[in-house]
N, C-alpha and C. Protein backbone atom coordinates (compact mmCIF):
# COMPACT_ATOMS: atom_id res chain seq x y z
N MET A 1 -1.31 -8.98 9.87
CA MET A 1 -1.54 -7.64 10.38
C MET A 1 -2.94 -7.21 9.98
N LYS A 2 -3.60 -6.56 10.92
CA LYS A 2 -4.93 -6.04 10.62
C LYS A 2 -5.07 -4.64 11.20
N VAL A 3 -6.07 -3.95 10.72
CA VAL A 3 -6.38 -2.60 11.22
C VAL A 3 -7.42 -2.76 12.32
N SER A 4 -7.09 -2.21 13.48
CA SER A 4 -8.00 -2.29 14.62
C SER A 4 -8.57 -0.91 14.90
N VAL A 5 -9.86 -0.86 15.10
CA VAL A 5 -10.55 0.39 15.45
C VAL A 5 -11.07 0.22 16.87
N TYR A 6 -10.71 1.15 17.74
CA TYR A 6 -11.16 1.04 19.13
C TYR A 6 -11.50 2.43 19.66
N ALA A 7 -12.27 2.44 20.73
CA ALA A 7 -12.69 3.70 21.35
C ALA A 7 -12.10 3.80 22.75
N ALA A 8 -11.71 5.03 23.11
CA ALA A 8 -11.22 5.31 24.46
C ALA A 8 -11.54 6.75 24.78
N LEU A 9 -12.20 6.96 25.90
CA LEU A 9 -12.56 8.30 26.35
C LEU A 9 -13.29 9.09 25.26
N ASN A 10 -14.31 8.53 24.71
CA ASN A 10 -15.15 9.17 23.70
C ASN A 10 -14.41 9.53 22.41
N ARG A 11 -13.27 8.91 22.17
CA ARG A 11 -12.52 9.12 20.92
C ARG A 11 -12.30 7.76 20.28
N ARG A 12 -12.20 7.77 18.97
CA ARG A 12 -11.93 6.53 18.24
C ARG A 12 -10.52 6.58 17.68
N PHE A 13 -9.87 5.42 17.70
CA PHE A 13 -8.50 5.31 17.24
C PHE A 13 -8.37 4.17 16.25
N VAL A 14 -7.35 4.29 15.42
CA VAL A 14 -7.04 3.27 14.42
C VAL A 14 -5.58 2.87 14.65
N THR A 15 -5.32 1.57 14.66
CA THR A 15 -3.95 1.11 14.84
C THR A 15 -3.75 -0.22 14.15
N PHE A 16 -2.50 -0.55 13.85
CA PHE A 16 -2.16 -1.83 13.26
C PHE A 16 -1.84 -2.82 14.38
N VAL A 17 -2.47 -3.98 14.34
CA VAL A 17 -2.27 -5.01 15.36
C VAL A 17 -2.05 -6.36 14.70
N ASP A 18 -1.50 -7.29 15.50
CA ASP A 18 -1.35 -8.66 15.00
C ASP A 18 -2.58 -9.47 15.39
N GLN A 19 -2.52 -10.78 15.23
CA GLN A 19 -3.68 -11.63 15.52
C GLN A 19 -4.02 -11.65 17.00
N ASN A 20 -3.08 -11.25 17.88
CA ASN A 20 -3.33 -11.22 19.33
C ASN A 20 -3.70 -9.82 19.82
N GLU A 21 -4.00 -8.93 18.89
CA GLU A 21 -4.37 -7.54 19.19
C GLU A 21 -3.23 -6.76 19.84
N ILE A 22 -1.99 -7.15 19.54
CA ILE A 22 -0.82 -6.44 20.03
C ILE A 22 -0.38 -5.47 18.93
N PRO A 23 -0.19 -4.20 19.27
CA PRO A 23 0.20 -3.22 18.24
C PRO A 23 1.51 -3.61 17.54
N VAL A 24 1.52 -3.45 16.24
CA VAL A 24 2.69 -3.69 15.41
C VAL A 24 2.88 -2.49 14.50
N GLN A 25 3.96 -2.46 13.77
CA GLN A 25 4.25 -1.37 12.83
C GLN A 25 4.23 0.01 13.50
N PRO A 26 5.18 0.25 14.41
CA PRO A 26 5.17 1.55 15.12
C PRO A 26 5.32 2.75 14.20
N PHE A 27 6.11 2.63 13.13
CA PHE A 27 6.26 3.77 12.22
C PHE A 27 4.95 4.05 11.48
N ALA A 28 4.26 3.00 11.08
CA ALA A 28 3.00 3.18 10.37
C ALA A 28 1.95 3.81 11.29
N ASN A 29 1.90 3.36 12.55
CA ASN A 29 0.96 3.95 13.50
C ASN A 29 1.29 5.41 13.77
N ALA A 30 2.58 5.70 13.92
CA ALA A 30 2.98 7.10 14.14
C ALA A 30 2.65 7.95 12.92
N PHE A 31 2.83 7.41 11.73
CA PHE A 31 2.53 8.13 10.50
C PHE A 31 1.07 8.58 10.47
N ILE A 32 0.17 7.68 10.80
CA ILE A 32 -1.26 8.01 10.76
C ILE A 32 -1.58 9.17 11.69
N TYR A 33 -1.00 9.14 12.89
CA TYR A 33 -1.36 10.16 13.87
C TYR A 33 -0.51 11.42 13.80
N GLU A 34 0.61 11.38 13.12
CA GLU A 34 1.38 12.62 12.94
C GLU A 34 0.95 13.35 11.67
N GLU A 35 0.78 12.61 10.60
CA GLU A 35 0.44 13.23 9.33
C GLU A 35 -1.05 13.55 9.21
N PHE A 36 -1.89 12.82 9.90
CA PHE A 36 -3.34 12.99 9.78
C PHE A 36 -3.97 13.30 11.13
N LEU A 37 -3.26 14.03 11.96
CA LEU A 37 -3.72 14.34 13.31
C LEU A 37 -5.08 15.03 13.30
N ASN A 38 -5.24 16.01 12.46
CA ASN A 38 -6.49 16.78 12.43
C ASN A 38 -7.48 16.29 11.39
N ALA A 39 -7.18 15.18 10.77
CA ALA A 39 -8.10 14.63 9.77
C ALA A 39 -9.26 13.92 10.46
N SER A 40 -10.30 13.69 9.71
CA SER A 40 -11.46 13.00 10.26
C SER A 40 -11.11 11.54 10.53
N PHE A 41 -11.93 10.91 11.36
CA PHE A 41 -11.70 9.50 11.69
C PHE A 41 -11.78 8.63 10.44
N SER A 42 -12.72 8.93 9.56
CA SER A 42 -12.86 8.11 8.34
C SER A 42 -11.62 8.24 7.45
N THR A 43 -11.00 9.41 7.42
CA THR A 43 -9.77 9.59 6.65
C THR A 43 -8.65 8.76 7.26
N LYS A 44 -8.51 8.79 8.57
CA LYS A 44 -7.49 7.98 9.25
C LYS A 44 -7.71 6.49 8.96
N LYS A 45 -8.94 6.09 8.99
CA LYS A 45 -9.27 4.68 8.73
C LYS A 45 -8.94 4.31 7.28
N ARG A 46 -9.28 5.17 6.34
CA ARG A 46 -8.98 4.91 4.93
C ARG A 46 -7.47 4.82 4.70
N VAL A 47 -6.73 5.76 5.28
CA VAL A 47 -5.28 5.76 5.14
C VAL A 47 -4.69 4.50 5.77
N ALA A 48 -5.22 4.07 6.90
CA ALA A 48 -4.72 2.86 7.56
C ALA A 48 -4.91 1.64 6.66
N TYR A 49 -6.07 1.52 6.04
CA TYR A 49 -6.30 0.37 5.15
C TYR A 49 -5.41 0.45 3.90
N GLU A 50 -5.22 1.64 3.37
CA GLU A 50 -4.32 1.81 2.22
C GLU A 50 -2.89 1.46 2.61
N LEU A 51 -2.45 1.95 3.76
CA LEU A 51 -1.09 1.69 4.21
C LEU A 51 -0.88 0.21 4.52
N ARG A 52 -1.87 -0.43 5.08
CA ARG A 52 -1.76 -1.88 5.31
C ARG A 52 -1.57 -2.62 4.00
N LEU A 53 -2.33 -2.25 3.00
CA LEU A 53 -2.20 -2.85 1.67
C LEU A 53 -0.80 -2.63 1.12
N ILE A 54 -0.29 -1.43 1.26
CA ILE A 54 1.05 -1.09 0.77
C ILE A 54 2.11 -1.90 1.50
N LEU A 55 2.03 -1.94 2.82
CA LEU A 55 3.02 -2.67 3.60
C LEU A 55 2.98 -4.17 3.31
N GLU A 56 1.78 -4.71 3.15
CA GLU A 56 1.67 -6.13 2.81
C GLU A 56 2.23 -6.41 1.43
N TYR A 57 2.03 -5.49 0.49
CA TYR A 57 2.60 -5.68 -0.85
C TYR A 57 4.13 -5.72 -0.77
N PHE A 58 4.73 -4.75 -0.09
CA PHE A 58 6.19 -4.73 -0.02
C PHE A 58 6.74 -5.89 0.80
N ASP A 59 6.00 -6.32 1.82
CA ASP A 59 6.43 -7.52 2.56
C ASP A 59 6.41 -8.75 1.66
N SER A 60 5.44 -8.82 0.76
CA SER A 60 5.33 -9.99 -0.13
C SER A 60 6.49 -10.08 -1.11
N ILE A 61 7.15 -8.96 -1.38
CA ILE A 61 8.31 -9.00 -2.28
C ILE A 61 9.61 -8.73 -1.51
N ASP A 62 9.56 -8.93 -0.19
CA ASP A 62 10.73 -8.85 0.69
C ASP A 62 11.43 -7.49 0.65
N ILE A 63 10.63 -6.43 0.71
CA ILE A 63 11.19 -5.08 0.82
C ILE A 63 10.69 -4.48 2.12
N ASN A 64 11.63 -4.10 2.99
CA ASN A 64 11.30 -3.44 4.24
C ASN A 64 11.51 -1.94 4.01
N LEU A 65 10.42 -1.21 3.91
CA LEU A 65 10.50 0.22 3.59
C LEU A 65 11.28 1.00 4.65
N GLU A 66 11.08 0.68 5.93
CA GLU A 66 11.77 1.41 6.98
C GLU A 66 13.29 1.23 6.86
N LYS A 67 13.73 0.00 6.64
CA LYS A 67 15.17 -0.25 6.49
C LYS A 67 15.73 0.41 5.24
N ARG A 68 14.95 0.37 4.16
CA ARG A 68 15.41 0.99 2.92
C ARG A 68 15.62 2.48 3.10
N VAL A 69 14.64 3.16 3.68
CA VAL A 69 14.73 4.61 3.84
C VAL A 69 15.81 4.96 4.85
N SER A 70 15.92 4.22 5.93
CA SER A 70 16.93 4.53 6.94
C SER A 70 18.34 4.36 6.40
N SER A 71 18.52 3.41 5.49
CA SER A 71 19.85 3.19 4.91
C SER A 71 20.10 4.08 3.70
N GLY A 72 19.08 4.76 3.21
CA GLY A 72 19.25 5.63 2.05
C GLY A 72 19.14 4.91 0.73
N VAL A 73 18.70 3.66 0.74
CA VAL A 73 18.51 2.89 -0.48
C VAL A 73 17.01 2.94 -0.79
N PHE A 74 16.66 3.74 -1.76
CA PHE A 74 15.24 3.94 -2.05
C PHE A 74 14.75 2.97 -3.11
N LEU A 75 13.49 3.09 -3.44
CA LEU A 75 12.89 2.20 -4.43
C LEU A 75 13.44 2.50 -5.82
N THR A 76 13.68 1.45 -6.57
CA THR A 76 14.16 1.61 -7.94
C THR A 76 12.98 1.92 -8.85
N PRO A 77 13.23 2.47 -10.03
CA PRO A 77 12.12 2.72 -10.97
C PRO A 77 11.34 1.44 -11.30
N ASN A 78 12.03 0.32 -11.40
CA ASN A 78 11.36 -0.94 -11.68
C ASN A 78 10.43 -1.34 -10.53
N GLU A 79 10.88 -1.17 -9.29
CA GLU A 79 10.05 -1.49 -8.13
C GLU A 79 8.83 -0.56 -8.05
N ILE A 80 9.03 0.70 -8.41
CA ILE A 80 7.92 1.64 -8.40
C ILE A 80 6.90 1.28 -9.49
N ASN A 81 7.37 0.91 -10.67
CA ASN A 81 6.47 0.51 -11.74
C ASN A 81 5.66 -0.72 -11.37
N LYS A 82 6.31 -1.70 -10.75
CA LYS A 82 5.58 -2.91 -10.32
C LYS A 82 4.55 -2.56 -9.25
N PHE A 83 4.93 -1.68 -8.32
CA PHE A 83 4.00 -1.24 -7.29
C PHE A 83 2.80 -0.56 -7.91
N TYR A 84 3.06 0.35 -8.84
CA TYR A 84 1.97 1.08 -9.49
C TYR A 84 1.03 0.13 -10.22
N GLY A 85 1.62 -0.85 -10.92
CA GLY A 85 0.80 -1.83 -11.62
C GLY A 85 -0.05 -2.66 -10.67
N GLN A 86 0.50 -3.01 -9.54
CA GLN A 86 -0.24 -3.81 -8.56
C GLN A 86 -1.34 -2.98 -7.89
N MET A 87 -1.10 -1.69 -7.67
CA MET A 87 -2.09 -0.85 -7.01
C MET A 87 -3.28 -0.55 -7.91
N MET A 88 -3.18 -0.91 -9.17
CA MET A 88 -4.31 -0.76 -10.09
C MET A 88 -5.35 -1.85 -9.86
N LEU A 89 -4.98 -2.89 -9.12
CA LEU A 89 -5.85 -4.05 -8.95
C LEU A 89 -6.55 -4.05 -7.60
N ARG A 90 -7.66 -4.74 -7.56
CA ARG A 90 -8.36 -4.94 -6.29
C ARG A 90 -7.51 -5.82 -5.39
N ARG A 91 -7.64 -5.63 -4.11
CA ARG A 91 -6.82 -6.36 -3.14
C ARG A 91 -6.99 -7.87 -3.30
N GLU A 92 -8.23 -8.31 -3.47
CA GLU A 92 -8.48 -9.75 -3.56
C GLU A 92 -7.97 -10.37 -4.86
N SER A 93 -7.62 -9.55 -5.82
CA SER A 93 -7.13 -10.09 -7.10
C SER A 93 -5.61 -10.04 -7.22
N PHE A 94 -4.90 -9.63 -6.16
CA PHE A 94 -3.43 -9.57 -6.22
C PHE A 94 -2.85 -10.94 -6.57
N LYS A 95 -3.19 -11.96 -5.80
CA LYS A 95 -2.63 -13.29 -6.03
C LYS A 95 -3.25 -13.93 -7.27
N ARG A 96 -4.53 -13.69 -7.46
CA ARG A 96 -5.22 -14.28 -8.59
C ARG A 96 -4.66 -13.73 -9.90
N ALA A 97 -4.27 -12.46 -9.92
CA ALA A 97 -3.77 -11.84 -11.15
C ALA A 97 -2.49 -12.52 -11.64
N ARG A 98 -1.68 -13.01 -10.70
CA ARG A 98 -0.46 -13.71 -11.08
C ARG A 98 -0.76 -15.07 -11.69
N ASN A 99 -1.90 -15.64 -11.31
CA ASN A 99 -2.21 -17.00 -11.72
C ASN A 99 -3.20 -17.10 -12.87
N ILE A 100 -3.64 -15.98 -13.41
CA ILE A 100 -4.62 -16.01 -14.49
C ILE A 100 -3.96 -16.56 -15.75
N SER A 101 -4.55 -17.57 -16.27
CA SER A 101 -4.08 -18.17 -17.50
C SER A 101 -5.31 -18.55 -18.30
N ILE A 102 -5.57 -17.81 -19.32
CA ILE A 102 -6.76 -18.04 -20.12
C ILE A 102 -6.42 -18.96 -21.29
N THR A 103 -6.99 -20.10 -21.26
CA THR A 103 -6.85 -21.01 -22.41
C THR A 103 -8.23 -21.59 -22.72
N PRO A 104 -9.15 -20.72 -23.08
CA PRO A 104 -10.49 -21.22 -23.39
C PRO A 104 -10.47 -22.06 -24.66
N SER A 105 -11.46 -22.88 -24.78
CA SER A 105 -11.54 -23.75 -25.94
C SER A 105 -12.11 -23.03 -27.16
N VAL A 106 -12.37 -21.74 -27.03
CA VAL A 106 -12.89 -20.95 -28.14
C VAL A 106 -11.78 -20.77 -29.16
N GLN A 107 -12.08 -20.99 -30.40
CA GLN A 107 -11.08 -20.91 -31.46
C GLN A 107 -10.92 -19.50 -32.01
N ASN A 108 -11.94 -18.66 -31.86
CA ASN A 108 -11.90 -17.31 -32.40
C ASN A 108 -11.01 -16.43 -31.51
N LYS A 109 -9.94 -15.90 -32.11
CA LYS A 109 -8.98 -15.10 -31.35
C LYS A 109 -9.61 -13.84 -30.77
N SER A 110 -10.49 -13.18 -31.48
CA SER A 110 -11.11 -11.95 -30.97
C SER A 110 -11.97 -12.24 -29.75
N ILE A 111 -12.61 -13.39 -29.70
CA ILE A 111 -13.40 -13.75 -28.52
C ILE A 111 -12.48 -14.04 -27.34
N ARG A 112 -11.37 -14.76 -27.57
CA ARG A 112 -10.41 -15.04 -26.50
C ARG A 112 -9.82 -13.73 -25.96
N ASN A 113 -9.51 -12.79 -26.87
CA ASN A 113 -8.99 -11.50 -26.43
C ASN A 113 -10.01 -10.73 -25.61
N ALA A 114 -11.27 -10.78 -26.00
CA ALA A 114 -12.33 -10.09 -25.27
C ALA A 114 -12.50 -10.69 -23.88
N ILE A 115 -12.43 -12.01 -23.77
CA ILE A 115 -12.54 -12.67 -22.47
C ILE A 115 -11.38 -12.26 -21.57
N SER A 116 -10.19 -12.27 -22.11
CA SER A 116 -9.00 -11.90 -21.34
C SER A 116 -9.08 -10.45 -20.88
N ALA A 117 -9.47 -9.54 -21.75
CA ALA A 117 -9.59 -8.12 -21.40
C ALA A 117 -10.67 -7.91 -20.35
N SER A 118 -11.76 -8.65 -20.46
CA SER A 118 -12.85 -8.53 -19.51
C SER A 118 -12.40 -8.96 -18.11
N ILE A 119 -11.66 -10.05 -18.01
CA ILE A 119 -11.18 -10.52 -16.72
C ILE A 119 -10.22 -9.50 -16.12
N HIS A 120 -9.32 -8.98 -16.94
CA HIS A 120 -8.36 -8.01 -16.44
C HIS A 120 -9.05 -6.74 -15.95
N ASN A 121 -10.01 -6.23 -16.71
CA ASN A 121 -10.71 -5.00 -16.33
C ASN A 121 -11.57 -5.19 -15.09
N SER A 122 -12.07 -6.38 -14.85
CA SER A 122 -12.91 -6.61 -13.67
C SER A 122 -12.08 -6.60 -12.39
N CYS A 123 -10.78 -6.74 -12.52
CA CYS A 123 -9.88 -6.73 -11.35
C CYS A 123 -9.40 -5.33 -10.99
N LYS A 124 -9.65 -4.35 -11.83
CA LYS A 124 -9.11 -3.01 -11.62
C LYS A 124 -9.94 -2.20 -10.63
N VAL A 125 -9.26 -1.27 -9.95
CA VAL A 125 -9.93 -0.32 -9.06
C VAL A 125 -10.08 1.00 -9.81
N SER A 126 -10.79 1.93 -9.21
CA SER A 126 -10.98 3.23 -9.85
C SER A 126 -9.67 4.02 -9.84
N THR A 127 -9.61 5.01 -10.70
CA THR A 127 -8.43 5.86 -10.78
C THR A 127 -8.18 6.58 -9.46
N GLU A 128 -9.25 7.01 -8.80
CA GLU A 128 -9.11 7.71 -7.53
C GLU A 128 -8.50 6.81 -6.46
N THR A 129 -8.91 5.55 -6.43
CA THR A 129 -8.37 4.60 -5.45
C THR A 129 -6.89 4.37 -5.70
N ARG A 130 -6.54 4.15 -6.94
CA ARG A 130 -5.13 3.93 -7.30
C ARG A 130 -4.29 5.15 -6.94
N THR A 131 -4.78 6.33 -7.27
CA THR A 131 -4.05 7.57 -6.98
C THR A 131 -3.89 7.75 -5.48
N SER A 132 -4.91 7.44 -4.72
CA SER A 132 -4.85 7.58 -3.28
C SER A 132 -3.83 6.61 -2.68
N ARG A 133 -3.75 5.40 -3.19
CA ARG A 133 -2.76 4.43 -2.71
C ARG A 133 -1.34 4.93 -2.98
N VAL A 134 -1.13 5.44 -4.17
CA VAL A 134 0.21 5.94 -4.53
C VAL A 134 0.55 7.16 -3.69
N ARG A 135 -0.42 8.03 -3.46
CA ARG A 135 -0.20 9.22 -2.64
C ARG A 135 0.14 8.82 -1.19
N THR A 136 -0.53 7.80 -0.68
CA THR A 136 -0.24 7.33 0.67
C THR A 136 1.19 6.80 0.77
N LEU A 137 1.65 6.06 -0.24
CA LEU A 137 3.03 5.59 -0.25
C LEU A 137 3.99 6.78 -0.25
N ARG A 138 3.73 7.75 -1.10
CA ARG A 138 4.61 8.93 -1.18
C ARG A 138 4.68 9.65 0.16
N LYS A 139 3.55 9.85 0.80
CA LYS A 139 3.53 10.53 2.10
C LYS A 139 4.24 9.69 3.16
N TYR A 140 4.07 8.38 3.12
CA TYR A 140 4.72 7.51 4.10
C TYR A 140 6.24 7.53 3.92
N LEU A 141 6.69 7.48 2.68
CA LEU A 141 8.13 7.54 2.42
C LEU A 141 8.70 8.89 2.86
N SER A 142 7.98 9.97 2.62
CA SER A 142 8.42 11.30 3.07
C SER A 142 8.48 11.36 4.60
N PHE A 143 7.50 10.76 5.26
CA PHE A 143 7.48 10.71 6.71
C PHE A 143 8.69 9.94 7.23
N LEU A 144 8.98 8.79 6.62
CA LEU A 144 10.13 7.99 7.04
C LEU A 144 11.43 8.74 6.79
N PHE A 145 11.54 9.39 5.64
CA PHE A 145 12.75 10.15 5.34
C PHE A 145 12.96 11.24 6.37
N SER A 146 11.91 11.95 6.70
CA SER A 146 11.99 13.01 7.69
C SER A 146 12.40 12.44 9.05
N HIS A 147 11.83 11.31 9.41
CA HIS A 147 12.15 10.70 10.70
C HIS A 147 13.62 10.29 10.78
N PHE A 148 14.12 9.66 9.73
CA PHE A 148 15.48 9.13 9.77
C PHE A 148 16.56 10.15 9.42
N HIS A 149 16.23 11.14 8.62
CA HIS A 149 17.28 12.01 8.09
C HIS A 149 17.10 13.50 8.36
N SER A 150 16.07 13.90 9.09
CA SER A 150 15.85 15.33 9.27
C SER A 150 16.80 15.97 10.28
N ASP A 151 17.37 15.18 11.19
CA ASP A 151 18.26 15.75 12.19
C ASP A 151 19.70 15.89 11.71
N GLN A 152 19.94 15.51 10.49
CA GLN A 152 21.28 15.61 9.92
C GLN A 152 21.18 16.15 8.50
N GLN A 153 22.24 16.64 7.99
CA GLN A 153 22.26 17.14 6.62
C GLN A 153 22.52 15.94 5.71
N PRO A 154 21.51 15.49 4.96
CA PRO A 154 21.74 14.34 4.09
C PRO A 154 22.72 14.68 2.97
N SER A 155 23.46 13.68 2.55
CA SER A 155 24.42 13.90 1.46
C SER A 155 23.68 14.22 0.18
N GLN A 156 24.39 14.79 -0.76
CA GLN A 156 23.77 15.18 -2.02
C GLN A 156 23.23 13.96 -2.77
N THR A 157 23.92 12.82 -2.68
CA THR A 157 23.45 11.62 -3.38
C THR A 157 22.18 11.07 -2.76
N LEU A 158 22.03 11.24 -1.44
CA LEU A 158 20.83 10.76 -0.77
C LEU A 158 19.64 11.60 -1.16
């Protein structure tokens, strides 16, 4: 899945497409244009890239957010903690972070610790980026909840 930017009638649009430029993720596309209708194009584009990252993360751990919200089975605290920890990292370091294994030949423990901390810190994003990613997930989940459950009175447990 990729984010496609295109122009039509002097307006620019952002949408999720597959490798054949066919639109995918209808809920995600609707979310961008319902929740950010009056936002600037750059905001829509930023949200689209954040949402793509979020959806790819949940796809990688076999969680379908739309199905979860529609069935009323929400994210567990453990899943949220893992998500938050992953959103602290740069996109390109997601897979690499799982595979980092520092076994330098340096015998001094303080030097090994410094090397390990340096590698970990170089993979982190800014606090604002992390907060924005988490905020986008929260807004997307609220959008999905409203879509699936707003026409009925949800049970107290839901």
